[in-house]
């Protein structure tokens, strides 16, 4: 095994692309190509992190096990560098669920809600810095 790239099902591809661009992701690929019809799939990257997004509608009747609703019983945990600067850059543009805090396992983290109701937790191992729960 070499990597994992979540394929997240969404209702509004353009709103999702706009949201993730605010977080620093860039659009890498789409199906179909831009201008060739409604987007049903997109891949976005930020450094070494890749997310794929696919419309619920594109599934048709395939994979009935995939729930056709936003959100889910999971959380995406993303390691970043310069977490404080990143938090300052995006905090007014997103729904912050949990502000910067130091965890019991030593990471500095914050959690946000994306436009599809998925929880994204960003983390950095900051040696020697003490934060209080926000």
C-alpha atoms as a PDB file:
ATOM      1  CA  UNK A   1       0.000   0.000   0.000  1.00  0.00           C
ATOM      2  CA  UNK A   2       1.283   3.438  -0.871  1.00  0.00           C
ATOM      3  CA  UNK A   3      -1.370   6.054  -0.161  1.00  0.00           C
ATOM      4  CA  UNK A   4      -5.012   6.743   0.574  1.00  0.00           C
ATOM      5  CA  UNK A   5      -7.172   9.341  -1.128  1.00  0.00           C
ATOM      6  CA  UNK A   6     -10.712   9.673   0.229  1.00  0.00           C
ATOM      7  CA  UNK A   7     -13.479   9.906  -2.365  1.00  0.00           C
ATOM      8  CA  UNK A   8     -16.090  12.133  -0.703  1.00  0.00           C
ATOM      9  CA  UNK A   9     -19.627  12.193  -2.057  1.00  0.00           C
ATOM     10  CA  UNK A  10     -21.183  15.647  -2.419  1.00  0.00           C
ATOM     11  CA  UNK A  11     -24.317  17.319  -3.759  1.00  0.00           C
ATOM     12  CA  UNK A  12     -22.770  20.565  -5.054  1.00  0.00           C
ATOM     13  CA  UNK A  13     -19.427  20.100  -6.789  1.00  0.00           C
ATOM     14  CA  UNK A  14     -18.799  23.801  -7.456  1.00  0.00           C
ATOM     15  CA  UNK A  15     -19.489  24.821  -3.838  1.00  0.00           C
ATOM     16  CA  UNK A  16     -17.166  22.044  -2.669  1.00  0.00           C
ATOM     17  CA  UNK A  17     -14.365  23.152  -4.996  1.00  0.00           C
ATOM     18  CA  UNK A  18     -14.790  26.761  -3.828  1.00  0.00           C
ATOM     19  CA  UNK A  19     -14.680  25.703  -0.161  1.00  0.00           C
ATOM     20  CA  UNK A  20     -11.540  23.608  -0.501  1.00  0.00           C
ATOM     21  CA  UNK A  21      -9.777  26.294  -2.540  1.00  0.00           C
ATOM     22  CA  UNK A  22     -10.179  28.562   0.516  1.00  0.00           C
ATOM     23  CA  UNK A  23      -8.213  25.949   2.473  1.00  0.00           C
ATOM     24  CA  UNK A  24      -5.374  26.055  -0.052  1.00  0.00           C
ATOM     25  CA  UNK A  25      -6.342  23.071  -2.198  1.00  0.00           C
ATOM     26  CA  UNK A  26      -5.982  23.335  -5.966  1.00  0.00           C
ATOM     27  CA  UNK A  27      -8.095  21.603  -8.586  1.00  0.00           C
ATOM     28  CA  UNK A  28      -6.026  18.891 -10.325  1.00  0.00           C
ATOM     29  CA  UNK A  29      -8.505  16.917 -12.447  1.00  0.00           C
ATOM     30  CA  UNK A  30     -12.211  16.811 -13.251  1.00  0.00           C
ATOM     31  CA  UNK A  31     -14.661  14.545 -15.067  1.00  0.00           C
ATOM     32  CA  UNK A  32     -15.686  15.714 -17.514  1.00  0.00           C
ATOM     33  CA  UNK A  33     -13.090  18.322 -18.442  1.00  0.00           C
ATOM     34  CA  UNK A  34     -14.129  21.922 -17.626  1.00  0.00           C
ATOM     35  CA  UNK A  35     -16.648  23.256 -20.137  1.00  0.00           C
ATOM     36  CA  UNK A  36     -17.708  19.781 -21.311  1.00  0.00           C
ATOM     37  CA  UNK A  37     -20.736  19.420 -19.040  1.00  0.00           C
ATOM     38  CA  UNK A  38     -21.660  19.254 -15.357  1.00  0.00           C
ATOM     39  CA  UNK A  39     -18.800  18.104 -13.137  1.00  0.00           C
ATOM     40  CA  UNK A  40     -19.378  14.703 -11.538  1.00  0.00           C
ATOM     41  CA  UNK A  41     -15.878  14.104 -10.118  1.00  0.00           C
ATOM     42  CA  UNK A  42     -12.928  16.251  -9.079  1.00  0.00           C
ATOM     43  CA  UNK A  43      -9.527  15.690  -7.522  1.00  0.00           C
ATOM     44  CA  UNK A  44      -7.979  18.413  -5.380  1.00  0.00           C
ATOM     45  CA  UNK A  45      -4.538  18.574  -3.773  1.00  0.00           C
ATOM     46  CA  UNK A  46      -2.705  20.619  -1.178  1.00  0.00           C
ATOM     47  CA  UNK A  47       0.918  19.537  -0.922  1.00  0.00           C
ATOM     48  CA  UNK A  48       0.787  15.785  -0.109  1.00  0.00           C
ATOM     49  CA  UNK A  49      -2.942  15.686   0.758  1.00  0.00           C
ATOM     50  CA  UNK A  50      -5.399  14.557  -1.924  1.00  0.00           C
ATOM     51  CA  UNK A  51      -9.190  14.574  -1.795  1.00  0.00           C
ATOM     52  CA  UNK A  52     -11.474  13.279  -4.515  1.00  0.00           C
ATOM     53  CA  UNK A  53     -15.067  14.468  -4.704  1.00  0.00           C
ATOM     54  CA  UNK A  54     -17.879  12.756  -6.563  1.00  0.00           C
ATOM     55  CA  UNK A  55     -21.531  13.681  -6.928  1.00  0.00           C
ATOM     56  CA  UNK A  56     -24.135  11.445  -5.328  1.00  0.00           C
ATOM     57  CA  UNK A  57     -26.046  11.580  -8.621  1.00  0.00           C
ATOM     58  CA  UNK A  58     -23.147  10.019 -10.552  1.00  0.00           C
ATOM     59  CA  UNK A  59     -23.505   6.837  -8.494  1.00  0.00           C
ATOM     60  CA  UNK A  60     -26.917   6.096  -9.973  1.00  0.00           C
ATOM     61  CA  UNK A  61     -28.051   2.777  -8.520  1.00  0.00           C
ATOM     62  CA  UNK A  62     -24.493   1.483  -8.003  1.00  0.00           C
ATOM     63  CA  UNK A  63     -23.104   0.867  -4.524  1.00  0.00           C
ATOM     64  CA  UNK A  64     -26.345   1.128  -2.553  1.00  0.00           C
ATOM     65  CA  UNK A  65     -24.203   0.758   0.582  1.00  0.00           C
ATOM     66  CA  UNK A  66     -23.023   4.366   0.166  1.00  0.00           C
ATOM     67  CA  UNK A  67     -25.445   6.569   2.092  1.00  0.00           C
ATOM     68  CA  UNK A  68     -26.860   9.378  -0.036  1.00  0.00           C
ATOM     69  CA  UNK A  69     -26.538  12.129   2.585  1.00  0.00           C
ATOM     70  CA  UNK A  70     -23.925  14.664   3.620  1.00  0.00           C
ATOM     71  CA  UNK A  71     -21.546  14.115   6.491  1.00  0.00           C
ATOM     72  CA  UNK A  72     -20.666  10.802   7.946  1.00  0.00           C
ATOM     73  CA  UNK A  73     -19.367   8.910  10.925  1.00  0.00           C
ATOM     74  CA  UNK A  74     -15.797   9.869  10.245  1.00  0.00           C
ATOM     75  CA  UNK A  75     -13.402  12.733  10.595  1.00  0.00           C
ATOM     76  CA  UNK A  76     -10.509  13.654   8.322  1.00  0.00           C
ATOM     77  CA  UNK A  77      -7.267  14.210  10.255  1.00  0.00           C
ATOM     78  CA  UNK A  78      -4.797  16.356   8.302  1.00  0.00           C
ATOM     79  CA  UNK A  79      -1.258  17.121   9.446  1.00  0.00           C
ATOM     80  CA  UNK A  80      -0.092  20.634   8.568  1.00  0.00           C
ATOM     81  CA  UNK A  81       2.875  22.908   9.141  1.00  0.00           C
ATOM     82  CA  UNK A  82       2.454  26.406  10.622  1.00  0.00           C
ATOM     83  CA  UNK A  83      -0.943  25.558  12.079  1.00  0.00           C
ATOM     84  CA  UNK A  84      -1.366  28.926  13.781  1.00  0.00           C
ATOM     85  CA  UNK A  85      -0.877  30.880  10.538  1.00  0.00           C
ATOM     86  CA  UNK A  86      -3.198  28.479   8.700  1.00  0.00           C
ATOM     87  CA  UNK A  87      -5.869  28.830  11.388  1.00  0.00           C
ATOM     88  CA  UNK A  88      -5.616  32.637  11.265  1.00  0.00           C
ATOM     89  CA  UNK A  89      -5.916  32.547   7.479  1.00  0.00           C
ATOM     90  CA  UNK A  90      -9.139  30.495   7.356  1.00  0.00           C
ATOM     91  CA  UNK A  91     -10.961  30.935  10.693  1.00  0.00           C
ATOM     92  CA  UNK A  92     -13.234  33.755   9.449  1.00  0.00           C
ATOM     93  CA  UNK A  93     -14.124  31.827   6.264  1.00  0.00           C
ATOM     94  CA  UNK A  94     -15.234  28.507   7.789  1.00  0.00           C
ATOM     95  CA  UNK A  95     -17.309  27.036  10.604  1.00  0.00           C
ATOM     96  CA  UNK A  96     -14.867  26.389  13.444  1.00  0.00           C
ATOM     97  CA  UNK A  97     -16.029  23.517  15.649  1.00  0.00           C
ATOM     98  CA  UNK A  98     -13.044  23.576  17.985  1.00  0.00           C
ATOM     99  CA  UNK A  99     -10.429  26.315  18.108  1.00  0.00           C
ATOM    100  CA  UNK A 100      -6.703  25.854  18.522  1.00  0.00           C
ATOM    101  CA  UNK A 101      -6.008  23.546  21.435  1.00  0.00           C
ATOM    102  CA  UNK A 102      -3.253  21.300  22.766  1.00  0.00           C
ATOM    103  CA  UNK A 103      -4.323  17.650  22.983  1.00  0.00           C
ATOM    104  CA  UNK A 104      -3.451  15.078  25.619  1.00  0.00           C
ATOM    105  CA  UNK A 105      -1.161  13.424  23.040  1.00  0.00           C
ATOM    106  CA  UNK A 106       0.792  16.635  22.436  1.00  0.00           C
ATOM    107  CA  UNK A 107      -0.557  17.865  19.108  1.00  0.00           C
ATOM    108  CA  UNK A 108      -1.914  21.350  18.460  1.00  0.00           C
ATOM    109  CA  UNK A 109      -5.226  20.983  16.637  1.00  0.00           C
ATOM    110  CA  UNK A 110      -8.397  22.682  15.471  1.00  0.00           C
ATOM    111  CA  UNK A 111     -11.510  21.289  13.822  1.00  0.00           C
ATOM    112  CA  UNK A 112     -13.819  22.776  11.199  1.00  0.00           C
ATOM    113  CA  UNK A 113     -16.959  21.719   9.357  1.00  0.00           C
ATOM    114  CA  UNK A 114     -16.741  21.655   5.578  1.00  0.00           C
ATOM    115  CA  UNK A 115     -19.589  22.719   3.305  1.00  0.00           C
ATOM    116  CA  UNK A 116     -20.820  19.095   3.120  1.00  0.00           C
ATOM    117  CA  UNK A 117     -20.947  18.598   6.915  1.00  0.00           C
ATOM    118  CA  UNK A 118     -17.713  16.594   7.114  1.00  0.00           C
ATOM    119  CA  UNK A 119     -15.365  17.310  10.029  1.00  0.00           C
ATOM    120  CA  UNK A 120     -11.786  18.239   9.146  1.00  0.00           C
ATOM    121  CA  UNK A 121      -9.258  18.273  11.982  1.00  0.00           C
ATOM    122  CA  UNK A 122      -5.923  19.944  11.286  1.00  0.00           C
ATOM    123  CA  UNK A 123      -2.962  19.097  13.515  1.00  0.00           C
ATOM    124  CA  UNK A 124       0.688  19.914  14.069  1.00  0.00           C
ATOM    125  CA  UNK A 125       3.157  18.566  16.588  1.00  0.00           C
ATOM    126  CA  UNK A 126       4.443  21.787  18.155  1.00  0.00           C
ATOM    127  CA  UNK A 127       7.172  20.945  20.654  1.00  0.00           C
ATOM    128  CA  UNK A 128       7.207  22.997  23.829  1.00  0.00           C
ATOM    129  CA  UNK A 129       4.093  25.104  23.167  1.00  0.00           C
ATOM    130  CA  UNK A 130       1.250  25.038  25.683  1.00  0.00           C
ATOM    131  CA  UNK A 131      -2.263  25.995  24.637  1.00  0.00           C
ATOM    132  CA  UNK A 132      -5.515  26.033  26.537  1.00  0.00           C
ATOM    133  CA  UNK A 133      -8.809  24.697  25.237  1.00  0.00           C
ATOM    134  CA  UNK A 134     -10.666  27.324  23.208  1.00  0.00           C
END
